[in-house]
Structure formats: C-alpha cells, structure tokens
C-alpha cells in the first residue's frame, strides 16, 4: 500500500511538468507588437498593387457646390426683411456659370 502511495505521489509531482512542457510546445510564437506575418504570395500581390500607377481622379459630378449660406432675417410687425449670402466651392477652373 505504501509503495502504491509513493508511485501515485511521484506521478502527481511529475505530470504537471509534462503538461507545462506540452503547453509551451503547442503555442505558436507570438510576434512582437506592431508586426504582421504574411505569406509570400500575399506580400508579392501587395507589392504588385503598390507599383501600379494610381488612376486619375474622376471629374466631379457637378461644377460647384454651396459651401456656406448665411441667412439673416428681421421681423417687424407683419413684414420680414433679410439678407442671404451664399459661398460656393468650385471644382472647375474659372468662374462657374450660375443659372
């Protein structure tokens, strides 16, 4: 009985060491913070995409847009007076023609 107890006790002390060693082997290495691991094919594809010239920007869908509008109104009795100031953003050279 004493012999079995010693064997069981020895296994209880040895098994956690084997389990810890197995855990270390099972985990892949963790890269340093800020680094990325890519397969070579993916890296080559990204390098090829980066070397292609950029395409020309598309022409804007409209020649201008309204950038800002200041509306100032004053109400007196039954009438309203006011001013409207518009500021535009032009996407073409020269002055756009407003209709």
PDB file of N, CA and C in Angstrom:
ATOM      1  N   UNK A   1       0.828  -1.187   0.000  1.00  0.00           N
ATOM      2  CA  UNK A   1       0.000   0.000   0.000  1.00  0.00           C
ATOM      3  C   UNK A   1       0.871   1.248   0.000  1.00  0.00           C
ATOM      4  N   UNK A   2       1.926   1.190   0.816  1.00  0.00           N
ATOM      5  CA  UNK A   2       2.830   2.319   0.887  1.00  0.00           C
ATOM      6  C   UNK A   2       3.539   2.520  -0.448  1.00  0.00           C
ATOM      7  N   UNK A   3       3.836   1.443  -1.145  1.00  0.00           N
ATOM      8  CA  UNK A   3       4.517   1.506  -2.425  1.00  0.00           C
ATOM      9  C   UNK A   3       3.615   2.171  -3.481  1.00  0.00           C
ATOM     10  N   UNK A   4       2.348   1.834  -3.478  1.00  0.00           N
ATOM     11  CA  UNK A   4       1.395   2.438  -4.423  1.00  0.00           C
ATOM     12  C   UNK A   4       1.228   3.929  -4.130  1.00  0.00           C
ATOM     13  N   UNK A   5       1.181   4.275  -2.875  1.00  0.00           N
ATOM     14  CA  UNK A   5       1.058   5.671  -2.486  1.00  0.00           C
ATOM     15  C   UNK A   5       2.260   6.474  -2.984  1.00  0.00           C
ATOM     16  N   UNK A   6       3.470   5.933  -2.865  1.00  0.00           N
ATOM     17  CA  UNK A   6       4.674   6.617  -3.322  1.00  0.00           C
ATOM     18  C   UNK A   6       4.643   6.774  -4.839  1.00  0.00           C
ATOM     19  N   UNK A   7       4.193   5.752  -5.553  1.00  0.00           N
ATOM     20  CA  UNK A   7       4.120   5.829  -7.012  1.00  0.00           C
ATOM     21  C   UNK A   7       3.105   6.884  -7.448  1.00  0.00           C
ATOM     22  N   UNK A   8       1.945   6.879  -6.818  1.00  0.00           N
ATOM     23  CA  UNK A   8       0.908   7.875  -7.154  1.00  0.00           C
ATOM     24  C   UNK A   8       1.410   9.277  -6.834  1.00  0.00           C
ATOM     25  N   UNK A   9       2.073   9.445  -5.706  1.00  0.00           N
ATOM     26  CA  UNK A   9       2.606  10.748  -5.320  1.00  0.00           C
ATOM     27  C   UNK A   9       3.668  11.208  -6.325  1.00  0.00           C
ATOM     28  N   UNK A  10       4.513  10.301  -6.771  1.00  0.00           N
ATOM     29  CA  UNK A  10       5.545  10.646  -7.743  1.00  0.00           C
ATOM     30  C   UNK A  10       4.912  11.079  -9.065  1.00  0.00           C
ATOM     31  N   UNK A  11       3.895  10.366  -9.512  1.00  0.00           N
ATOM     32  CA  UNK A  11       3.216  10.739 -10.746  1.00  0.00           C
ATOM     33  C   UNK A  11       2.517  12.091 -10.611  1.00  0.00           C
ATOM     34  N   UNK A  12       1.977  12.359  -9.440  1.00  0.00           N
ATOM     35  CA  UNK A  12       1.306  13.641  -9.225  1.00  0.00           C
ATOM     36  C   UNK A  12       2.308  14.809  -9.300  1.00  0.00           C
ATOM     37  N   UNK A  13       3.532  14.549  -8.896  1.00  0.00           N
ATOM     38  CA  UNK A  13       4.557  15.595  -8.956  1.00  0.00           C
ATOM     39  C   UNK A  13       5.161  15.725 -10.350  1.00  0.00           C
ATOM     40  N   UNK A  14       5.218  14.641 -11.128  1.00  0.00           N
ATOM     41  CA  UNK A  14       5.858  14.647 -12.438  1.00  0.00           C
ATOM     42  C   UNK A  14       4.900  15.111 -13.540  1.00  0.00           C
ATOM     43  N   UNK A  15       3.637  14.716 -13.473  1.00  0.00           N
ATOM     44  CA  UNK A  15       2.676  15.016 -14.541  1.00  0.00           C
ATOM     45  C   UNK A  15       2.491  16.516 -14.801  1.00  0.00           C
ATOM     46  N   UNK A  16       2.422  17.374 -13.786  1.00  0.00           N
ATOM     47  CA  UNK A  16       2.290  18.811 -14.104  1.00  0.00           C
ATOM     48  C   UNK A  16       3.467  19.349 -14.922  1.00  0.00           C
ATOM     49  N   UNK A  17       4.646  18.817 -14.726  1.00  0.00           N
ATOM     50  CA  UNK A  17       5.800  19.240 -15.526  1.00  0.00           C
ATOM     51  C   UNK A  17       5.633  18.868 -16.983  1.00  0.00           C
ATOM     52  N   UNK A  18       5.111  17.655 -17.254  1.00  0.00           N
ATOM     53  CA  UNK A  18       4.859  17.237 -18.631  1.00  0.00           C
ATOM     54  C   UNK A  18       3.760  18.099 -19.266  1.00  0.00           C
ATOM     55  N   UNK A  19       2.733  18.412 -18.502  1.00  0.00           N
ATOM     56  CA  UNK A  19       1.634  19.221 -19.025  1.00  0.00           C
ATOM     57  C   UNK A  19       2.120  20.627 -19.366  1.00  0.00           C
ATOM     58  N   UNK A  20       2.980  21.200 -18.524  1.00  0.00           N
ATOM     59  CA  UNK A  20       3.506  22.538 -18.786  1.00  0.00           C
ATOM     60  C   UNK A  20       4.398  22.529 -20.020  1.00  0.00           C
ATOM     61  N   UNK A  21       5.199  21.495 -20.181  1.00  0.00           N
ATOM     62  CA  UNK A  21       6.061  21.388 -21.361  1.00  0.00           C
ATOM     63  C   UNK A  21       5.228  21.233 -22.622  1.00  0.00           C
ATOM     64  N   UNK A  22       4.133  20.486 -22.554  1.00  0.00           N
ATOM     65  CA  UNK A  22       3.262  20.301 -23.713  1.00  0.00           C
ATOM     66  C   UNK A  22       2.567  21.603 -24.085  1.00  0.00           C
ATOM     67  N   UNK A  23       2.190  22.409 -23.099  1.00  0.00           N
ATOM     68  CA  UNK A  23       1.547  23.697 -23.380  1.00  0.00           C
ATOM     69  C   UNK A  23       2.510  24.635 -24.099  1.00  0.00           C
ATOM     70  N   UNK A  24       3.777  24.646 -23.701  1.00  0.00           N
ATOM     71  CA  UNK A  24       4.759  25.527 -24.340  1.00  0.00           C
ATOM     72  C   UNK A  24       4.987  25.129 -25.793  1.00  0.00           C
ATOM     73  N   UNK A  25       4.971  23.850 -26.080  1.00  0.00           N
ATOM     74  CA  UNK A  25       5.209  23.374 -27.428  1.00  0.00           C
ATOM     75  C   UNK A  25       4.003  23.642 -28.313  1.00  0.00           C
ATOM     76  N   UNK A  26       2.800  23.564 -27.768  1.00  0.00           N
ATOM     77  CA  UNK A  26       1.581  23.692 -28.559  1.00  0.00           C
ATOM     78  C   UNK A  26       1.333  25.132 -29.021  1.00  0.00           C
ATOM     79  N   UNK A  27       1.811  26.129 -28.286  1.00  0.00           N
ATOM     80  CA  UNK A  27       1.537  27.522 -28.636  1.00  0.00           C
ATOM     81  C   UNK A  27       2.508  28.022 -29.699  1.00  0.00           C
ATOM     82  N   UNK A  28       2.015  28.661 -30.766  1.00  0.00           N
ATOM     83  CA  UNK A  28       2.913  29.231 -31.770  1.00  0.00           C
ATOM     84  C   UNK A  28       3.570  30.484 -31.195  1.00  0.00           C
ATOM     85  N   UNK A  29       4.700  30.893 -31.733  1.00  0.00           N
ATOM     86  CA  UNK A  29       5.350  32.100 -31.223  1.00  0.00           C
ATOM     87  C   UNK A  29       4.509  33.329 -31.522  1.00  0.00           C
ATOM     88  N   UNK A  30       4.489  34.236 -30.582  1.00  0.00           N
ATOM     89  CA  UNK A  30       3.711  35.466 -30.719  1.00  0.00           C
ATOM     90  C   UNK A  30       4.633  36.550 -31.274  1.00  0.00           C
ATOM     91  N   UNK A  31       4.256  37.177 -32.408  1.00  0.00           N
ATOM     92  CA  UNK A  31       5.120  38.226 -32.967  1.00  0.00           C
ATOM     93  C   UNK A  31       5.125  39.461 -32.070  1.00  0.00           C
ATOM     94  N   UNK A  32       6.141  40.264 -32.215  1.00  0.00           N
ATOM     95  CA  UNK A  32       6.244  41.496 -31.444  1.00  0.00           C
ATOM     96  C   UNK A  32       5.094  42.430 -31.821  1.00  0.00           C
ATOM     97  N   UNK A  33       4.748  43.298 -30.920  1.00  0.00           N
ATOM     98  CA  UNK A  33       3.662  44.245 -31.155  1.00  0.00           C
ATOM     99  C   UNK A  33       3.993  45.136 -32.346  1.00  0.00           C
ATOM    100  N   UNK A  34       3.035  45.296 -33.258  1.00  0.00           N
ATOM    101  CA  UNK A  34       3.219  46.151 -34.415  1.00  0.00           C
ATOM    102  C   UNK A  34       3.748  45.441 -35.640  1.00  0.00           C
ATOM    103  N   UNK A  35       3.970  44.146 -35.564  1.00  0.00           N
ATOM    104  CA  UNK A  35       4.451  43.424 -36.742  1.00  0.00           C
ATOM    105  C   UNK A  35       3.352  42.516 -37.276  1.00  0.00           C
ATOM    106  N   UNK A  36       3.439  42.197 -38.554  1.00  0.00           N
ATOM    107  CA  UNK A  36       2.442  41.375 -39.222  1.00  0.00           C
ATOM    108  C   UNK A  36       3.161  40.285 -40.001  1.00  0.00           C
ATOM    109  N   UNK A  37       2.617  39.087 -39.977  1.00  0.00           N
ATOM    110  CA  UNK A  37       3.184  37.993 -40.746  1.00  0.00           C
ATOM    111  C   UNK A  37       2.278  37.708 -41.929  1.00  0.00           C
ATOM    112  N   UNK A  38       2.853  37.739 -43.142  1.00  0.00           N
ATOM    113  CA  UNK A  38       2.099  37.484 -44.370  1.00  0.00           C
ATOM    114  C   UNK A  38       2.740  36.336 -45.133  1.00  0.00           C
ATOM    115  N   UNK A  39       1.923  35.562 -45.824  1.00  0.00           N
ATOM    116  CA  UNK A  39       2.510  34.587 -46.748  1.00  0.00           C
ATOM    117  C   UNK A  39       3.204  35.324 -47.898  1.00  0.00           C
ATOM    118  N   UNK A  40       4.185  34.689 -48.505  1.00  0.00           N
ATOM    119  CA  UNK A  40       4.966  35.319 -49.569  1.00  0.00           C
ATOM    120  C   UNK A  40       4.096  35.705 -50.761  1.00  0.00           C
ATOM    121  N   UNK A  41       3.124  34.882 -51.119  1.00  0.00           N
ATOM    122  CA  UNK A  41       2.238  35.207 -52.241  1.00  0.00           C
ATOM    123  C   UNK A  41       1.440  36.478 -51.977  1.00  0.00           C
ATOM    124  N   UNK A  42       0.933  36.603 -50.753  1.00  0.00           N
ATOM    125  CA  UNK A  42       0.169  37.801 -50.397  1.00  0.00           C
ATOM    126  C   UNK A  42       1.065  39.037 -50.433  1.00  0.00           C
ATOM    127  N   UNK A  43       2.287  38.917 -49.925  1.00  0.00           N
ATOM    128  CA  UNK A  43       3.232  40.035 -49.951  1.00  0.00           C
ATOM    129  C   UNK A  43       3.530  40.454 -51.385  1.00  0.00           C
ATOM    130  N   UNK A  44       3.790  39.488 -52.253  1.00  0.00           N
ATOM    131  CA  UNK A  44       4.083  39.803 -53.662  1.00  0.00           C
ATOM    132  C   UNK A  44       2.897  40.472 -54.343  1.00  0.00           C
ATOM    133  N   UNK A  45       1.685  40.031 -54.026  1.00  0.00           N
ATOM    134  CA  UNK A  45       0.488  40.644 -54.605  1.00  0.00           C
ATOM    135  C   UNK A  45       0.363  42.099 -54.153  1.00  0.00           C
ATOM    136  N   UNK A  46       0.627  42.363 -52.861  1.00  0.00           N
ATOM    137  CA  UNK A  46       0.542  43.730 -52.355  1.00  0.00           C
ATOM    138  C   UNK A  46       1.620  44.626 -52.964  1.00  0.00           C
ATOM    139  N   UNK A  47       2.821  44.096 -53.156  1.00  0.00           N
ATOM    140  CA  UNK A  47       3.889  44.880 -53.791  1.00  0.00           C
ATOM    141  C   UNK A  47       3.510  45.211 -55.232  1.00  0.00           C
ATOM    142  N   UNK A  48       2.917  44.264 -55.928  1.00  0.00           N
ATOM    143  CA  UNK A  48       2.485  44.496 -57.308  1.00  0.00           C
ATOM    144  C   UNK A  48       1.389  45.563 -57.370  1.00  0.00           C
ATOM    145  N   UNK A  49       0.433  45.503 -56.444  1.00  0.00           N
ATOM    146  CA  UNK A  49      -0.620  46.528 -56.411  1.00  0.00           C
ATOM    147  C   UNK A  49      -0.042  47.906 -56.115  1.00  0.00           C
ATOM    148  N   UNK A  50       0.946  47.970 -55.243  1.00  0.00           N
ATOM    149  CA  UNK A  50       1.542  49.263 -54.882  1.00  0.00           C
ATOM    150  C   UNK A  50       2.342  49.852 -56.037  1.00  0.00           C
ATOM    151  N   UNK A  51       2.861  49.015 -56.912  1.00  0.00           N
ATOM    152  CA  UNK A  51       3.673  49.527 -58.011  1.00  0.00           C
ATOM    153  C   UNK A  51       2.836  50.027 -59.191  1.00  0.00           C
ATOM    154  N   UNK A  52       1.555  49.677 -59.226  1.00  0.00           N
ATOM    155  CA  UNK A  52       0.695  50.149 -60.316  1.00  0.00           C
ATOM    156  C   UNK A  52       0.436  51.641 -60.157  1.00  0.00           C
ATOM    157  N   UNK A  53       0.398  52.381 -61.266  1.00  0.00           N
ATOM    158  CA  UNK A  53       0.126  53.821 -61.153  1.00  0.00           C
ATOM    159  C   UNK A  53      -1.309  54.054 -60.676  1.00  0.00           C
ATOM    160  N   UNK A  54      -1.468  55.130 -59.949  1.00  0.00           N
ATOM    161  CA  UNK A  54      -2.799  55.467 -59.458  1.00  0.00           C
ATOM    162  C   UNK A  54      -3.644  55.973 -60.609  1.00  0.00           C
ATOM    163  N   UNK A  55      -4.918  55.733 -60.543  1.00  0.00           N
ATOM    164  CA  UNK A  55      -5.783  56.196 -61.626  1.00  0.00           C
ATOM    165  C   UNK A  55      -6.131  57.659 -61.407  1.00  0.00           C
ATOM    166  N   UNK A  56      -6.428  58.323 -62.477  1.00  0.00           N
ATOM    167  CA  UNK A  56      -6.762  59.739 -62.424  1.00  0.00           C
ATOM    168  C   UNK A  56      -8.078  59.914 -61.660  1.00  0.00           C
ATOM    169  N   UNK A  57      -8.169  60.982 -60.872  1.00  0.00           N
ATOM    170  CA  UNK A  57      -9.423  61.197 -60.151  1.00  0.00           C
ATOM    171  C   UNK A  57     -10.558  61.488 -61.133  1.00  0.00           C
ATOM    172  N   UNK A  58     -11.718  61.007 -60.793  1.00  0.00           N
ATOM    173  CA  UNK A  58     -12.890  61.240 -61.632  1.00  0.00           C
ATOM    174  C   UNK A  58     -13.266  62.717 -61.589  1.00  0.00           C
ATOM    175  N   UNK A  59     -13.884  63.167 -62.659  1.00  0.00           N
ATOM    176  CA  UNK A  59     -14.368  64.542 -62.660  1.00  0.00           C
ATOM    177  C   UNK A  59     -15.547  64.636 -61.709  1.00  0.00           C
ATOM    178  N   UNK A  60     -15.687  65.752 -61.049  1.00  0.00           N
ATOM    179  CA  UNK A  60     -16.803  65.877 -60.111  1.00  0.00           C
ATOM    180  C   UNK A  60     -18.137  65.840 -60.854  1.00  0.00           C
ATOM    181  N   UNK A  61     -19.168  65.362 -60.204  1.00  0.00           N
ATOM    182  CA  UNK A  61     -20.467  65.248 -60.867  1.00  0.00           C
ATOM    183  C   UNK A  61     -21.122  66.606 -61.142  1.00  0.00           C
ATOM    184  N   UNK A  62     -20.722  67.625 -60.403  1.00  0.00           N
ATOM    185  CA  UNK A  62     -21.259  68.977 -60.610  1.00  0.00           C
ATOM    186  C   UNK A  62     -20.090  69.957 -60.617  1.00  0.00           C
ATOM    187  N   UNK A  63     -20.225  71.100 -61.310  1.00  0.00           N
ATOM    188  CA  UNK A  63     -19.107  72.048 -61.366  1.00  0.00           C
ATOM    189  C   UNK A  63     -18.892  72.821 -60.060  1.00  0.00           C
ATOM    190  N   UNK A  64     -19.890  72.890 -59.202  1.00  0.00           N
ATOM    191  CA  UNK A  64     -19.765  73.642 -57.959  1.00  0.00           C
ATOM    192  C   UNK A  64     -20.778  73.126 -56.944  1.00  0.00           C
ATOM    193  N   UNK A  65     -20.551  73.476 -55.686  1.00  0.00           N
ATOM    194  CA  UNK A  65     -21.499  73.175 -54.612  1.00  0.00           C
ATOM    195  C   UNK A  65     -21.603  74.397 -53.715  1.00  0.00           C
ATOM    196  N   UNK A  66     -22.635  74.438 -52.932  1.00  0.00           N
ATOM    197  CA  UNK A  66     -22.779  75.505 -51.960  1.00  0.00           C
ATOM    198  C   UNK A  66     -21.983  75.117 -50.722  1.00  0.00           C
ATOM    199  N   UNK A  67     -21.046  75.971 -50.353  1.00  0.00           N
ATOM    200  CA  UNK A  67     -20.182  75.691 -49.212  1.00  0.00           C
ATOM    201  C   UNK A  67     -20.779  76.252 -47.923  1.00  0.00           C
ATOM    202  N   UNK A  68     -21.381  77.418 -48.030  1.00  0.00           N
ATOM    203  CA  UNK A  68     -21.909  78.068 -46.832  1.00  0.00           C
ATOM    204  C   UNK A  68     -23.047  78.987 -47.220  1.00  0.00           C
ATOM    205  N   UNK A  69     -24.018  79.104 -46.350  1.00  0.00           N
ATOM    206  CA  UNK A  69     -25.135  80.027 -46.563  1.00  0.00           C
ATOM    207  C   UNK A  69     -25.413  80.760 -45.262  1.00  0.00           C
ATOM    208  N   UNK A  70     -25.361  82.083 -45.312  1.00  0.00           N
ATOM    209  CA  UNK A  70     -25.686  82.910 -44.148  1.00  0.00           C
ATOM    210  C   UNK A  70     -27.033  83.573 -44.402  1.00  0.00           C
ATOM    211  N   UNK A  71     -27.973  83.275 -43.554  1.00  0.00           N
ATOM    212  CA  UNK A  71     -29.314  83.847 -43.661  1.00  0.00           C
ATOM    213  C   UNK A  71     -29.554  84.737 -42.448  1.00  0.00           C
ATOM    214  N   UNK A  72     -29.874  86.010 -42.698  1.00  0.00           N
ATOM    215  CA  UNK A  72     -30.154  86.947 -41.606  1.00  0.00           C
ATOM    216  C   UNK A  72     -31.501  87.594 -41.882  1.00  0.00           C
ATOM    217  N   UNK A  73     -32.440  87.386 -40.992  1.00  0.00           N
ATOM    218  CA  UNK A  73     -33.789  87.920 -41.155  1.00  0.00           C
ATOM    219  C   UNK A  73     -34.159  88.761 -39.947  1.00  0.00           C
ATOM    220  N   UNK A  74     -34.998  89.747 -40.214  1.00  0.00           N
ATOM    221  CA  UNK A  74     -35.522  90.593 -39.149  1.00  0.00           C
ATOM    222  C   UNK A  74     -37.026  90.723 -39.354  1.00  0.00           C
ATOM    223  N   UNK A  75     -37.748  90.442 -38.303  1.00  0.00           N
ATOM    224  CA  UNK A  75     -39.216  90.504 -38.371  1.00  0.00           C
ATOM    225  C   UNK A  75     -39.678  91.753 -37.641  1.00  0.00           C
ATOM    226  N   UNK A  76     -40.501  92.547 -38.312  1.00  0.00           N
ATOM    227  CA  UNK A  76     -41.072  93.743 -37.711  1.00  0.00           C
ATOM    228  C   UNK A  76     -42.539  93.808 -38.105  1.00  0.00           C
ATOM    229  N   UNK A  77     -43.393  93.855 -37.121  1.00  0.00           N
ATOM    230  CA  UNK A  77     -44.845  93.862 -37.318  1.00  0.00           C
ATOM    231  C   UNK A  77     -45.251  92.689 -38.212  1.00  0.00           C
ATOM    232  N   UNK A  78     -45.711  92.967 -39.411  1.00  0.00           N
ATOM    233  CA  UNK A  78     -46.154  91.900 -40.301  1.00  0.00           C
ATOM    234  C   UNK A  78     -45.255  91.755 -41.529  1.00  0.00           C
ATOM    235  N   UNK A  79     -44.006  92.224 -41.429  1.00  0.00           N
ATOM    236  CA  UNK A  79     -43.097  92.121 -42.574  1.00  0.00           C
ATOM    237  C   UNK A  79     -41.774  91.480 -42.136  1.00  0.00           C
ATOM    238  N   UNK A  80     -41.083  90.945 -43.126  1.00  0.00           N
ATOM    239  CA  UNK A  80     -39.790  90.289 -42.889  1.00  0.00           C
ATOM    240  C   UNK A  80     -38.777  90.892 -43.853  1.00  0.00           C
ATOM    241  N   UNK A  81     -37.640  91.283 -43.326  1.00  0.00           N
ATOM    242  CA  UNK A  81     -36.542  91.768 -44.145  1.00  0.00           C
ATOM    243  C   UNK A  81     -35.335  90.895 -43.844  1.00  0.00           C
ATOM    244  N   UNK A  82     -34.513  90.696 -44.877  1.00  0.00           N
ATOM    245  CA  UNK A  82     -33.348  89.858 -44.627  1.00  0.00           C
ATOM    246  C   UNK A  82     -32.347  89.869 -45.755  1.00  0.00           C
ATOM    247  N   UNK A  83     -31.203  89.235 -45.462  1.00  0.00           N
ATOM    248  CA  UNK A  83     -30.154  89.077 -46.459  1.00  0.00           C
ATOM    249  C   UNK A  83     -29.743  87.610 -46.509  1.00  0.00           C
ATOM    250  N   UNK A  84     -29.319  87.209 -47.693  1.00  0.00           N
ATOM    251  CA  UNK A  84     -28.839  85.849 -47.898  1.00  0.00           C
ATOM    252  C   UNK A  84     -27.485  85.958 -48.579  1.00  0.00           C
ATOM    253  N   UNK A  85     -26.456  85.367 -47.960  1.00  0.00           N
ATOM    254  CA  UNK A  85     -25.125  85.344 -48.550  1.00  0.00           C
ATOM    255  C   UNK A  85     -24.756  83.878 -48.780  1.00  0.00           C
ATOM    256  N   UNK A  86     -24.382  83.579 -50.027  1.00  0.00           N
ATOM    257  CA  UNK A  86     -24.008  82.214 -50.390  1.00  0.00           C
ATOM    258  C   UNK A  86     -22.530  82.171 -50.728  1.00  0.00           C
ATOM    259  N   UNK A  87     -21.860  81.132 -50.263  1.00  0.00           N
ATOM    260  CA  UNK A  87     -20.460  80.919 -50.613  1.00  0.00           C
ATOM    261  C   UNK A  87     -20.373  79.568 -51.311  1.00  0.00           C
ATOM    262  N   UNK A  88     -19.714  79.548 -52.485  1.00  0.00           N
ATOM    263  CA  UNK A  88     -19.670  78.322 -53.279  1.00  0.00           C
ATOM    264  C   UNK A  88     -18.290  77.717 -53.266  1.00  0.00           C
ATOM    265  N   UNK A  89     -18.220  76.417 -53.571  1.00  0.00           N
ATOM    266  CA  UNK A  89     -16.962  75.690 -53.744  1.00  0.00           C
ATOM    267  C   UNK A  89     -16.928  75.233 -55.187  1.00  0.00           C
ATOM    268  N   UNK A  90     -15.942  75.752 -55.954  1.00  0.00           N
ATOM    269  CA  UNK A  90     -15.859  75.444 -57.374  1.00  0.00           C
ATOM    270  C   UNK A  90     -14.908  74.272 -57.602  1.00  0.00           C
ATOM    271  N   UNK A  91     -15.292  73.347 -58.463  1.00  0.00           N
ATOM    272  CA  UNK A  91     -14.471  72.201 -58.812  1.00  0.00           C
ATOM    273  C   UNK A  91     -13.834  72.334 -60.191  1.00  0.00           C
ATOM    274  N   UNK A  92     -14.091  73.445 -60.860  1.00  0.00           N
ATOM    275  CA  UNK A  92     -13.520  73.667 -62.192  1.00  0.00           C
ATOM    276  C   UNK A  92     -12.740  74.975 -62.163  1.00  0.00           C
ATOM    277  N   UNK A  93     -11.885  75.152 -63.171  1.00  0.00           N
ATOM    278  CA  UNK A  93     -11.125  76.396 -63.257  1.00  0.00           C
ATOM    279  C   UNK A  93     -12.021  77.500 -63.792  1.00  0.00           C
ATOM    280  N   UNK A  94     -11.754  78.699 -63.340  1.00  0.00           N
ATOM    281  CA  UNK A  94     -12.566  79.839 -63.780  1.00  0.00           C
ATOM    282  C   UNK A  94     -13.816  79.965 -62.930  1.00  0.00           C
ATOM    283  N   UNK A  95     -14.683  80.855 -63.353  1.00  0.00           N
ATOM    284  CA  UNK A  95     -15.935  81.073 -62.648  1.00  0.00           C
ATOM    285  C   UNK A  95     -17.020  80.178 -63.214  1.00  0.00           C
ATOM    286  N   UNK A  96     -17.695  79.423 -62.387  1.00  0.00           N
ATOM    287  CA  UNK A  96     -18.817  78.632 -62.903  1.00  0.00           C
ATOM    288  C   UNK A  96     -19.993  79.539 -63.225  1.00  0.00           C
ATOM    289  N   UNK A  97     -20.797  79.119 -64.154  1.00  0.00           N
ATOM    290  CA  UNK A  97     -21.984  79.894 -64.544  1.00  0.00           C
ATOM    291  C   UNK A  97     -23.157  79.429 -63.710  1.00  0.00           C
ATOM    292  N   UNK A  98     -23.727  80.347 -62.957  1.00  0.00           N
ATOM    293  CA  UNK A  98     -24.908  80.033 -62.149  1.00  0.00           C
ATOM    294  C   UNK A  98     -26.143  80.305 -62.992  1.00  0.00           C
ATOM    295  N   UNK A  99     -27.110  79.438 -62.847  1.00  0.00           N
ATOM    296  CA  UNK A  99     -28.355  79.616 -63.613  1.00  0.00           C
ATOM    297  C   UNK A  99     -29.442  80.121 -62.734  1.00  0.00           C
TER     298      UNK A  99
END
